[in-house]
Amino acid sequence: MGRLVLFFALFITGLLGNWLPAWAHKPSDSYLNLDVKVGQVIGRWDIALRDLDYAIGLDGNGDGTITWGELRAQTKTLNAYALSHLQLRSEGVTCPTQSTGLQVDSHSDGAYAVLHFKALCSKPTSRLALTYSLLFDLDPQHRGLLNVKSGDTNHTAIFSSENSEQDIELNADGLQQFFAFGREGVWHIWQGYDHILFLLTLLIPAVLERKEKRWQPVQDLPTAFGNVLKVVTAFTLAHSLTLTLATLQIVQLPSRLVESAIAISVVLAALNNLYPLFQGRIWLIAFCFGLIHGFGFASVLADLGLPQGTLLLALVGFNLGVEVGQLAIVAAFLPIAFVLRRSWFYHRITLLAGSSAIAVIACVWLLERVFDFKVLAF
């Protein structure tokens, strides 16, 4: 038992250690859209101004606001920086890139620089290989969301620090896209630290029951499993519903409102472990706030501008990936929690201290998201 307690302590500490240096806001994304034509590729690359400011410094006077004049003054630097982190190859031969214009556009999480460019290919473009390395040295969690159009066909993929190369077979079917977004769904839940904190705060009391104003261990595994099943099912149904509505642009909410509400959900779920308000109805918290988390999940897909057929494929793959990632967390947490449910460690460290720490972290996130400033250095 002592070794198991130590292992569980290291497990929780490791998770919190990984959470703390994470951005509290929407993960850093860029959107790379390519239109493959005969002998050339026409590109549009949307990169967040906040990311570019961090990388090359756009805010010339340091007033916290990036103006069009400041951006235009850095056009050459921006073009050189971005295009040096992207390489296109057709049939093994590099396609030289050159900038053709610069604009500014808005996405769900703020202003983006829009870099227009073209790449000239001397070989037929039936297969396109891409190497993407933007911002990975500064933010390992950054992702590049790729959409390649070839005739009437769209191909999607996602670049990450672990997967910086893509080889697109332009005549291939959509199965590759499905698995690509499935993998992204898994990583999104694993790197969506506020989502994980919310889920864990709901799972912590799953091996306990409230009796005589005290948390007491459940008697058997089926009871604990039933509690987890209610929570996971409610959360899944809720976030799947709003993920679909948001991705299909049927219902849309401001990113700042969604991210703030997600922080509130983490605070309330953690406080409920300390001062139970929803006794026996934790699944209700999971469902109600799961609706908000679905809008947060949709941020990956909503701004990509995929056509309807491709969007539905990406939506299904991404959502299944989220569920796989979520079940992996449950499978790792529940057996250990069940064994330790009677120990002082679980009651005092995991339940009380852990829930208190999560509530504090989420409160900081909430302040940052509501008032749009940063308290922490991460």
Foldseek 3Di string as FASTA:
>chain_A
DVVLLVVVVVVVVVLVVLLVVADLAFAFEKAWEWEDDWQKIKIKIWGAPVLVCVVPNQPPVPPPDHDPVSCVVCVVVVQVQQQVQKWKAAPRHTFDKDWDDWDWDAALVGIIIITIMMTGYPDGRQKMKMFGDPCCVPPQAYKYWYWYHYPPDIAIAMAGNVRRMDIDRNPDDHPVLLQRLLQVLLVCCSSNSLNVLLLLLQLLLLQWAADPNDTHGDDDDVSSVVSNVLQLVLLLVQLLVLLVCLLVPVDADRSLVLSLLSLVLSLVSLVCLVVPPQHPVSSVSSNVNSNSVSNSLNSVRNPNPDPPVSSVSSSVSSSNSNSVNVVVVCVVPPVSSNVCVRPPCSVPPVRPVVSVVSNVVSVQSNVCSVVVHHPDPD
